[in-house]
Amino acid sequence: MLEPANNPNPPNMVDPSPLERYLLARFMGRIASTRQIRKRNAKFEKKRVAENRPHEIAYFHQPDDPYSHLTAQVISRFAQRYDVKITPHLIRATGGKNQPESQKLALWSRRDAGLIAPHYGLSFPENAGTVPEPEAQHLAVLALARLDPEGFLSEIEEVSARMWSGEGAGQGPSSEAEASTALDSGSARLAELGHYSGATFYYGGEWYWGVDRLFHLERRLRDLGACKAPEEPYLVPRPSIDVEGVDASGLQLHFYPSLNSPYTSIIFDRTIALADACNIEFHHKPVLPMIMRGVPATPAKAKYIFLDTKREADFFGVAFGNHVTPIGAPTRLAYSLLPWATSQGKDIDLMSTFLRHAWAQGRGLHRTANMRRAVQEAGLDWSEARERLGCDDWKAVVERNQDEMVEGMGLWGVPSYRLCGPDGEPDLSVWGQDRLWLVAAEIRRRAKVTKDNY
């Protein structure tokens, strides 16, 4: 289904008015301003120093979360490397609108964690199921609930490994009541601070998710002079996106972007550049935004995604943040031009221009003048485009793309990727702008396999 008849998201979230678009742009643009972020961080540090407090970090560990298991393997080294005070909390899965599709999320998280672990120098038990056995989880919580912060940090890696391997963890002296209280307390603290996910670090008003974002926290602490060994590399550096010298002409890459996705906006052009660089057979397959597809969303999640995208964009030197959301009618109109643009070999150029206007240049696509400007910047004729605005031939194409991604690949977030080939290799299906490096690594490996076979 392209758009559900009964969307669980409020109508003004799916199709906001021009005024609502303007107000949202002003609010999110201000809180995600690089200048404002630096100002907030400086204010926090000034107060922390004045109160003679250490660098206090809260860590939230969800025992049945695969990403928490990866984080458990580095948190002790992190605590030793940096001059920090870490307070760990045990939490339950949040669920609800912040973590919809719980069964699909569990399958995806387990698969994704297993895929990325070796690239980060980490491991995941090969025999581990989608989630640990209930008894193993229970024993792990009992073991961890009894520990003070120092003991938690020193034992969490072993406890988590034994739990995921199905070996149990040793009950220890904790009572059932203590374990339940620990989970309740940690979950309440997570909610109080305005977040929803496990494997997260919280420092000075910012959230850092698992091993994928730990390098951002390391970078912040290094800038503050809190690293005990600044000559050493990051504990978990982001792998490079590198396909230099690779001929991937025997492979296919299917790319599923969305016009209303902040993450898509900062990775779209780099995805195209990667495809061009390695000569892979590329398939551009836009889908509707999650909110329009009926995937529940919350203001807390939207805020985190926006701020996280801004941090990622700044780190990699990509323009982002001066935005006007294209959700709803502007997306439908923009997509109505894609079949025509595809017939002229310009669909990628048009999508890139739309994303740049919406997320980096603050040009609302709900305004005809901005739509015209984007079309012309993509090298297309506006008079022809105007005749096709509002056509319905895009719907069958986009619905097919969505079915491939959601039903075929088991993914619902964007951007998503599917790498195919050579014969005998299973498809690689991954989700997220922070998985393009993994796609690149797999392209390198598969291109070599193809070359060696000929």
Protein backbone atom coordinates (compact mmCIF):
# COMPACT_ATOMS: atom_id res chain seq x y z
CA MET A 1 0.00 0.00 0.00
CA LEU A 2 1.40 3.40 -1.00
CA GLU A 3 -0.22 5.39 1.83
CA PRO A 4 -2.47 3.80 4.47
CA ALA A 5 -6.07 4.94 4.72
CA ASN A 6 -5.76 5.25 8.50
CA ASN A 7 -2.34 6.76 9.13
CA PRO A 8 -1.46 6.62 12.86
CA ASN A 9 0.41 9.93 12.55
CA PRO A 10 -1.60 13.16 12.96
CA PRO A 11 -2.81 14.77 9.71
CA ASN A 12 -0.78 17.93 10.33
CA MET A 13 2.36 15.78 10.63
CA VAL A 14 1.68 14.06 7.29
CA ASP A 15 0.50 17.23 5.50
CA PRO A 16 1.48 20.35 7.49
CA SER A 17 0.23 23.77 6.52
CA PRO A 18 2.64 26.41 5.14
CA LEU A 19 2.67 28.08 8.56
CA GLU A 20 3.50 24.80 10.31
CA ARG A 21 6.31 24.17 7.82
CA TYR A 22 7.69 27.64 8.56
CA LEU A 23 7.49 27.28 12.35
CA LEU A 24 9.07 23.81 12.29
CA ALA A 25 11.89 25.09 10.09
CA ARG A 26 12.58 27.96 12.47
CA PHE A 27 12.53 25.75 15.56
CA MET A 28 14.61 22.85 14.21
CA GLY A 29 16.96 25.16 12.35
CA ARG A 30 17.75 27.01 15.56
CA ILE A 31 18.38 24.00 17.78
CA ALA A 32 20.46 22.34 15.04
CA SER A 33 22.54 25.41 14.24
CA THR A 34 26.26 24.64 14.53
CA ARG A 35 26.72 27.96 16.29
CA GLN A 36 23.93 27.25 18.78
CA ILE A 37 25.22 23.73 19.47
CA ARG A 38 28.68 25.05 20.23
CA LYS A 39 27.18 27.76 22.40
CA ARG A 40 25.14 25.23 24.39
CA ASN A 41 28.14 22.95 24.84
CA ALA A 42 30.34 25.84 25.97
CA LYS A 43 27.69 26.92 28.49
CA PHE A 44 27.48 23.39 29.86
CA GLU A 45 31.26 23.11 30.24
CA LYS A 46 31.52 26.50 31.93
CA LYS A 47 28.94 25.45 34.51
CA ARG A 48 30.54 22.02 34.98
CA VAL A 49 33.95 23.57 35.66
CA ALA A 50 32.47 26.19 38.01
CA GLU A 51 30.80 23.41 40.02
CA ASN A 52 34.01 21.35 40.00
CA ARG A 53 32.25 18.32 38.50
CA PRO A 54 33.94 15.63 36.42
CA HIS A 55 32.89 14.71 32.88
CA GLU A 56 29.76 12.77 33.87
CA ILE A 57 28.35 10.37 31.30
CA ALA A 58 25.18 8.30 31.61
CA TYR A 59 25.16 5.01 29.72
CA PHE A 60 21.93 3.07 29.03
CA HIS A 61 22.28 -0.67 28.47
CA GLN A 62 19.43 -2.78 27.12
CA PRO A 63 20.43 -6.43 27.72
CA ASP A 64 18.53 -7.92 24.76
CA ASP A 65 19.72 -5.23 22.33
CA PRO A 66 22.47 -6.39 19.90
CA TYR A 67 23.95 -2.90 19.71
CA SER A 68 24.27 -2.87 23.49
CA HIS A 69 26.29 -6.08 23.20
CA LEU A 70 28.72 -4.39 20.79
CA THR A 71 28.98 -1.38 23.10
CA ALA A 72 29.65 -3.67 26.05
CA GLN A 73 32.86 -4.73 24.31
CA VAL A 74 34.34 -1.22 24.26
CA ILE A 75 32.89 0.62 27.26
CA SER A 76 35.57 -0.51 29.72
CA ARG A 77 38.35 0.62 27.39
CA PHE A 78 36.49 3.87 26.83
CA ALA A 79 36.32 4.48 30.60
CA GLN A 80 40.06 3.82 30.90
CA ARG A 81 41.03 5.98 27.92
CA TYR A 82 39.09 9.09 29.00
CA ASP A 83 38.90 11.12 32.18
CA VAL A 84 35.21 10.47 32.72
CA LYS A 85 32.75 9.27 35.32
CA ILE A 86 30.29 6.82 33.78
CA THR A 87 27.00 5.96 35.45
CA PRO A 88 25.47 2.85 33.81
CA HIS A 89 21.74 2.16 33.76
CA LEU A 90 19.88 -1.01 32.83
CA ILE A 91 16.78 -0.42 30.70
CA ARG A 92 13.93 -2.27 29.03
CA ALA A 93 13.05 -1.86 25.36
CA THR A 94 10.98 1.30 24.97
CA GLY A 95 8.66 -0.02 22.26
CA GLY A 96 5.66 1.99 21.12
CA LYS A 97 5.97 4.75 18.53
CA ASN A 98 9.66 5.26 19.28
CA GLN A 99 10.47 1.65 18.40
CA PRO A 100 7.74 0.43 16.02
CA GLU A 101 7.85 -2.92 14.22
CA SER A 102 9.41 -4.60 17.27
CA GLN A 103 9.82 -8.03 15.66
CA LYS A 104 11.32 -6.61 12.47
CA LEU A 105 13.54 -4.34 14.57
CA ALA A 106 14.86 -7.31 16.54
CA LEU A 107 15.65 -9.25 13.35
CA TRP A 108 17.30 -6.27 11.70
CA SER A 109 19.33 -5.27 14.75
CA ARG A 110 20.71 -8.77 15.22
CA ARG A 111 21.62 -9.09 11.54
CA ASP A 112 23.13 -5.61 11.35
CA ALA A 113 25.18 -6.00 14.53
CA GLY A 114 26.63 -9.24 13.18
CA LEU A 115 27.52 -7.55 9.89
CA ILE A 116 29.33 -4.55 11.34
CA ALA A 117 31.06 -6.22 14.31
CA PRO A 118 34.14 -7.56 12.43
CA HIS A 119 34.74 -4.18 10.78
CA TYR A 120 34.91 -2.57 14.22
CA GLY A 121 37.22 -5.24 15.63
CA LEU A 122 34.33 -6.66 17.69
CA SER A 123 32.47 -9.96 17.67
CA PHE A 124 29.01 -11.43 17.87
CA PRO A 125 28.42 -15.11 18.81
CA GLU A 126 27.62 -16.99 15.60
CA ASN A 127 25.14 -19.22 17.41
CA ALA A 128 23.24 -16.29 18.93
CA GLY A 129 19.56 -16.08 18.14
CA THR A 130 17.57 -12.97 17.34
CA VAL A 131 17.35 -12.26 21.08
CA PRO A 132 18.93 -14.09 24.02
CA GLU A 133 16.96 -16.82 25.73
CA PRO A 134 14.67 -15.37 28.44
CA GLU A 135 16.43 -17.29 31.21
CA ALA A 136 19.83 -16.07 30.05
CA GLN A 137 18.55 -12.49 29.97
CA HIS A 138 17.11 -12.90 33.45
CA LEU A 139 20.38 -14.17 34.87
CA ALA A 140 22.33 -11.37 33.18
CA VAL A 141 20.10 -8.70 34.69
CA LEU A 142 20.42 -10.31 38.12
CA ALA A 143 24.20 -10.34 37.74
CA LEU A 144 24.45 -6.73 36.60
CA ALA A 145 21.92 -5.21 38.99
CA ARG A 146 24.11 -6.06 41.99
CA LEU A 147 27.16 -4.16 40.67
CA ASP A 148 28.36 -0.66 41.39
CA PRO A 149 29.37 1.43 38.34
CA GLU A 150 32.99 0.30 38.42
CA GLY A 151 32.00 -3.35 38.68
CA PHE A 152 29.43 -2.95 35.92
CA LEU A 153 32.01 -1.53 33.52
CA SER A 154 34.52 -4.27 34.26
CA GLU A 155 32.06 -7.18 34.00
CA ILE A 156 29.54 -6.11 31.37
CA GLU A 157 31.48 -7.51 28.40
CA GLU A 158 31.73 -11.01 29.86
CA VAL A 159 28.16 -11.03 31.19
CA SER A 160 26.78 -9.92 27.83
CA ALA A 161 28.89 -12.46 25.91
CA ARG A 162 27.73 -15.32 28.12
CA MET A 163 24.12 -14.22 27.81
CA TRP A 164 24.18 -14.03 23.99
CA SER A 165 26.02 -17.36 23.84
CA GLY A 166 23.30 -18.95 25.99
CA GLU A 167 25.70 -19.80 28.80
CA GLY A 168 23.94 -17.85 31.52
CA ALA A 169 25.69 -15.28 33.64
CA GLY A 170 25.65 -16.43 37.23
CA GLN A 171 22.85 -15.05 39.33
CA GLY A 172 24.84 -13.36 42.07
CA PRO A 173 23.21 -11.96 45.19
CA SER A 174 20.67 -9.68 43.46
CA SER A 175 17.04 -10.32 44.24
CA GLU A 176 14.20 -10.29 41.76
CA ALA A 177 13.02 -7.01 43.28
CA GLU A 178 16.45 -5.40 42.89
CA ALA A 179 16.66 -6.44 39.24
CA SER A 180 13.18 -5.12 38.45
CA THR A 181 13.91 -1.89 40.29
CA ALA A 182 17.13 -1.42 38.32
CA LEU A 183 15.32 -1.85 35.00
CA ASP A 184 12.47 0.45 36.05
CA SER A 185 14.86 3.12 37.33
CA GLY A 186 17.05 3.08 34.26
CA SER A 187 14.09 3.18 31.88
CA ALA A 188 12.58 6.09 33.79
CA ARG A 189 15.86 8.01 33.66
CA LEU A 190 16.13 7.43 29.91
CA ALA A 191 12.61 8.78 29.40
CA GLU A 192 13.27 11.72 31.73
CA LEU A 193 16.24 12.73 29.58
CA GLY A 194 14.12 12.49 26.45
CA HIS A 195 15.46 9.43 24.66
CA TYR A 196 14.25 5.94 23.77
CA SER A 197 17.12 3.69 22.71
CA GLY A 198 19.60 1.35 24.34
CA ALA A 199 23.39 1.39 23.81
CA THR A 200 23.31 5.18 24.24
CA PHE A 201 25.62 7.60 25.99
CA TYR A 202 24.40 10.97 27.29
CA TYR A 203 26.82 13.79 27.93
CA GLY A 204 26.14 17.49 28.32
CA GLY A 205 22.82 17.55 26.48
CA GLU A 206 23.83 15.30 23.58
CA TRP A 207 23.13 11.64 22.80
CA TYR A 208 25.62 9.22 21.26
CA TRP A 209 24.28 5.90 19.98
CA GLY A 210 26.47 2.83 20.40
CA VAL A 211 29.70 2.07 18.59
CA ASP A 212 28.45 3.92 15.51
CA ARG A 213 28.47 7.30 17.25
CA LEU A 214 31.09 6.78 19.94
CA PHE A 215 33.72 8.54 17.84
CA HIS A 216 31.65 11.74 18.08
CA LEU A 217 31.78 11.55 21.88
CA GLU A 218 35.49 10.74 21.76
CA ARG A 219 36.06 13.75 19.54
CA ARG A 220 34.19 16.02 21.95
CA LEU A 221 36.14 14.75 24.95
CA ARG A 222 39.45 15.10 23.11
CA ASP A 223 38.62 18.71 22.30
CA LEU A 224 38.07 19.22 26.04
CA GLY A 225 41.45 17.69 26.90
CA ALA A 226 39.84 14.68 28.60
CA CYS A 227 41.68 11.99 26.62
CA LYS A 228 44.49 10.30 28.55
CA ALA A 229 46.18 9.08 25.36
CA PRO A 230 45.42 11.64 22.60
CA GLU A 231 48.10 10.10 20.40
CA GLU A 232 46.05 6.91 20.16
CA PRO A 233 43.35 6.52 17.46
CA TYR A 234 39.66 6.51 18.24
CA LEU A 235 38.47 3.31 19.88
CA VAL A 236 35.82 2.84 17.18
CA PRO A 237 36.61 5.04 14.16
CA ARG A 238 34.12 5.25 11.32
CA PRO A 239 35.36 3.07 8.43
CA SER A 240 36.05 4.89 5.18
CA ILE A 241 33.83 4.79 2.11
CA ASP A 242 36.40 3.55 -0.36
CA VAL A 243 35.97 1.89 -3.76
CA GLU A 244 39.03 3.38 -5.41
CA GLY A 245 40.30 1.20 -8.24
CA VAL A 246 37.36 -1.22 -7.94
CA ASP A 247 35.52 -2.48 -11.02
CA ALA A 248 32.07 -3.53 -9.80
CA SER A 249 30.45 -3.73 -13.23
CA GLY A 250 29.32 -7.29 -12.47
CA LEU A 251 27.33 -6.18 -9.40
CA GLN A 252 24.07 -4.30 -8.83
CA LEU A 253 23.27 -1.67 -6.20
CA HIS A 254 19.62 -0.83 -5.46
CA PHE A 255 19.18 2.44 -3.54
CA TYR A 256 15.95 3.35 -1.69
CA PRO A 257 15.95 7.06 -0.71
CA SER A 258 13.18 9.33 0.57
CA LEU A 259 12.73 13.03 -0.03
CA ASN A 260 11.73 13.73 3.59
CA SER A 261 14.65 11.85 5.17
CA PRO A 262 17.36 13.99 6.82
CA TYR A 263 19.75 11.03 6.65
CA THR A 264 19.05 10.53 2.93
CA SER A 265 19.81 14.20 2.28
CA ILE A 266 23.40 13.93 3.53
CA ILE A 267 24.27 10.62 1.86
CA PHE A 268 22.47 10.83 -1.50
CA ASP A 269 25.23 12.50 -3.47
CA ARG A 270 27.94 10.35 -1.85
CA THR A 271 25.97 7.24 -2.81
CA ILE A 272 25.82 8.39 -6.43
CA ALA A 273 29.53 9.21 -6.37
CA LEU A 274 30.32 5.73 -5.05
CA ALA A 275 28.23 4.09 -7.77
CA ASP A 276 29.90 6.17 -10.47
CA ALA A 277 33.38 5.51 -9.10
CA CYS A 278 33.12 1.71 -9.26
CA ASN A 279 30.95 1.40 -12.38
CA ILE A 280 28.32 -0.66 -10.58
CA GLU A 281 24.89 -1.23 -12.16
CA PHE A 282 22.83 1.29 -10.21
CA HIS A 283 19.07 1.33 -9.57
CA HIS A 284 17.49 4.48 -8.11
CA LYS A 285 14.29 3.50 -6.26
CA PRO A 286 12.67 6.32 -4.24
CA VAL A 287 10.08 5.47 -1.58
CA LEU A 288 7.65 7.62 0.36
CA PRO A 289 8.74 9.02 3.73
CA MET A 290 8.09 6.73 6.69
CA ILE A 291 5.48 9.08 8.17
CA MET A 292 3.49 9.01 4.94
CA ARG A 293 3.75 5.20 4.89
CA GLY A 294 2.18 5.06 8.36
CA VAL A 295 5.31 4.31 10.39
CA PRO A 296 4.66 6.00 13.76
CA ALA A 297 6.90 8.90 14.78
CA THR A 298 7.33 11.04 17.88
CA PRO A 299 8.72 14.54 18.41
CA ALA A 300 11.53 13.12 20.58
CA LYS A 301 12.66 10.77 17.83
CA ALA A 302 12.38 13.46 15.15
CA LYS A 303 14.50 15.83 17.23
CA TYR A 304 17.20 13.22 17.83
CA ILE A 305 17.35 12.28 14.15
CA PHE A 306 17.65 15.91 13.11
CA LEU A 307 20.42 16.68 15.60
CA ASP A 308 22.25 13.44 14.82
CA THR A 309 22.09 14.19 11.09
CA LYS A 310 23.50 17.66 11.73
CA ARG A 311 26.40 16.21 13.72
CA GLU A 312 27.13 13.65 11.01
CA ALA A 313 26.86 16.31 8.29
CA ASP A 314 29.25 18.67 10.08
CA PHE A 315 31.78 15.90 10.65
CA PHE A 316 31.81 14.96 6.98
CA GLY A 317 31.54 18.50 5.62
CA VAL A 318 28.06 18.20 4.11
CA ALA A 319 25.59 21.11 4.11
CA PHE A 320 22.51 20.44 6.26
CA GLY A 321 20.05 22.19 8.55
CA ASN A 322 18.63 25.13 6.59
CA HIS A 323 15.48 23.26 5.76
CA VAL A 324 11.75 23.30 5.07
CA THR A 325 10.15 19.88 5.35
CA PRO A 326 8.87 18.49 2.02
CA ILE A 327 6.57 15.96 3.72
CA GLY A 328 3.12 15.46 2.22
CA ALA A 329 1.95 17.34 -0.86
CA PRO A 330 5.43 18.58 -1.95
CA THR A 331 6.73 15.01 -1.92
CA ARG A 332 3.79 13.77 -3.98
CA LEU A 333 4.31 16.57 -6.52
CA ALA A 334 8.07 16.00 -6.64
CA TYR A 335 7.62 12.27 -7.16
CA SER A 336 5.05 12.92 -9.90
CA LEU A 337 7.92 14.32 -11.97
CA LEU A 338 10.25 11.34 -11.49
CA PRO A 339 8.93 9.05 -14.28
CA TRP A 340 9.30 11.92 -16.77
CA ALA A 341 12.76 12.80 -15.41
CA THR A 342 13.74 9.12 -15.61
CA SER A 343 12.80 9.03 -19.29
CA GLN A 344 15.34 11.79 -19.82
CA GLY A 345 18.01 10.24 -17.61
CA LYS A 346 17.58 13.02 -15.05
CA ASP A 347 15.76 11.40 -12.12
CA ILE A 348 18.92 11.24 -9.98
CA ASP A 349 19.81 14.86 -10.74
CA LEU A 350 16.27 15.94 -9.91
CA MET A 351 16.13 14.02 -6.63
CA SER A 352 19.51 15.42 -5.62
CA THR A 353 18.35 18.96 -6.34
CA PHE A 354 15.09 18.46 -4.44
CA LEU A 355 17.01 17.18 -1.40
CA ARG A 356 19.46 20.07 -1.51
CA HIS A 357 16.69 22.64 -1.72
CA ALA A 358 14.68 21.06 1.10
CA TRP A 359 17.47 20.26 3.57
CA ALA A 360 20.42 22.56 2.89
CA GLN A 361 19.09 25.68 1.20
CA GLY A 362 15.80 26.19 3.05
CA ARG A 363 13.69 26.41 -0.11
CA GLY A 364 10.26 24.97 0.60
CA LEU A 365 9.10 22.74 -2.22
CA HIS A 366 5.48 23.57 -1.36
CA ARG A 367 6.11 26.85 -3.20
CA THR A 368 5.81 26.70 -6.99
CA ALA A 369 8.74 29.07 -7.49
CA ASN A 370 11.07 26.74 -5.58
CA MET A 371 9.77 23.68 -7.40
CA ARG A 372 10.44 25.44 -10.71
CA ARG A 373 13.92 26.45 -9.64
CA ALA A 374 14.80 22.88 -8.62
CA VAL A 375 13.55 21.48 -11.91
CA GLN A 376 15.59 23.97 -13.89
CA GLU A 377 18.72 23.42 -11.81
CA ALA A 378 18.45 19.70 -12.62
CA GLY A 379 18.63 20.59 -16.31
CA LEU A 380 14.95 20.01 -17.08
CA ASP A 381 12.35 22.18 -18.80
CA TRP A 382 9.83 23.75 -16.44
CA SER A 383 7.09 24.13 -19.03
CA GLU A 384 7.20 20.38 -19.66
CA ALA A 385 7.42 19.64 -15.93
CA ARG A 386 4.40 21.80 -15.17
CA GLU A 387 2.26 19.69 -17.50
CA ARG A 388 3.23 16.55 -15.57
CA LEU A 389 2.87 17.89 -12.01
CA GLY A 390 0.25 15.85 -10.19
CA CYS A 391 0.26 12.90 -12.60
CA ASP A 392 -0.34 9.49 -10.99
CA ASP A 393 2.04 7.29 -12.98
CA TRP A 394 4.67 7.56 -10.23
CA LYS A 395 2.47 5.77 -7.69
CA ALA A 396 2.80 2.24 -9.08
CA VAL A 397 6.58 2.63 -9.36
CA VAL A 398 7.06 3.94 -5.82
CA GLU A 399 4.66 1.36 -4.38
CA ARG A 400 6.70 -1.39 -6.04
CA ASN A 401 9.89 0.09 -4.57
CA GLN A 402 8.31 0.12 -1.12
CA ASP A 403 7.17 -3.48 -1.41
CA GLU A 404 10.69 -4.53 -2.39
CA MET A 405 12.19 -2.73 0.58
CA VAL A 406 9.64 -3.51 3.29
CA GLU A 407 8.31 -6.93 2.32
CA GLY A 408 11.25 -8.23 0.30
CA MET A 409 14.16 -6.91 2.39
CA GLY A 410 12.47 -6.62 5.79
CA LEU A 411 13.48 -2.97 6.14
CA TRP A 412 11.33 0.10 6.62
CA GLY A 413 13.80 2.91 7.26
CA VAL A 414 15.61 5.06 4.74
CA PRO A 415 17.96 5.23 3.06
CA SER A 416 18.22 1.50 2.40
CA TYR A 417 20.59 -0.41 0.13
CA ARG A 418 20.54 -3.80 -1.58
CA LEU A 419 23.75 -5.12 -3.12
CA CYS A 420 23.34 -8.05 -5.54
CA GLY A 421 25.87 -10.40 -7.13
CA PRO A 422 27.91 -12.19 -8.10
CA ASP A 423 26.05 -15.49 -8.55
CA GLY A 424 26.19 -17.58 -5.39
CA GLU A 425 26.42 -14.59 -3.05
CA PRO A 426 23.35 -13.68 -0.99
CA ASP A 427 22.04 -10.14 -1.35
CA LEU A 428 23.32 -7.64 1.20
CA SER A 429 20.43 -5.54 2.50
CA VAL A 430 21.23 -2.71 4.92
CA TRP A 431 19.57 0.41 6.22
CA GLY A 432 21.03 3.80 7.13
CA GLN A 433 23.33 6.48 5.81
CA ASP A 434 25.95 5.17 8.22
CA ARG A 435 26.04 1.86 6.36
CA LEU A 436 27.40 3.16 3.06
CA TRP A 437 30.88 2.26 4.29
CA LEU A 438 29.68 -1.33 4.75
CA VAL A 439 28.23 -1.35 1.24
CA ALA A 440 31.59 -0.09 -0.05
CA ALA A 441 33.50 -2.77 1.86
CA GLU A 442 31.24 -5.48 0.49
CA ILE A 443 31.55 -4.11 -3.05
CA ARG A 444 35.32 -4.36 -2.73
CA ARG A 445 35.10 -7.94 -1.50
CA ARG A 446 32.56 -9.08 -4.08
CA ALA A 447 34.34 -7.37 -6.97
CA LYS A 448 37.48 -9.27 -6.01
CA VAL A 449 35.55 -12.54 -5.90
CA THR A 450 34.19 -11.79 -9.36
CA LYS A 451 37.66 -10.97 -10.69
CA ASP A 452 39.23 -14.09 -9.15
CA ASN A 453 36.58 -16.27 -10.78
CA TYR A 454 37.51 -15.12 -14.26
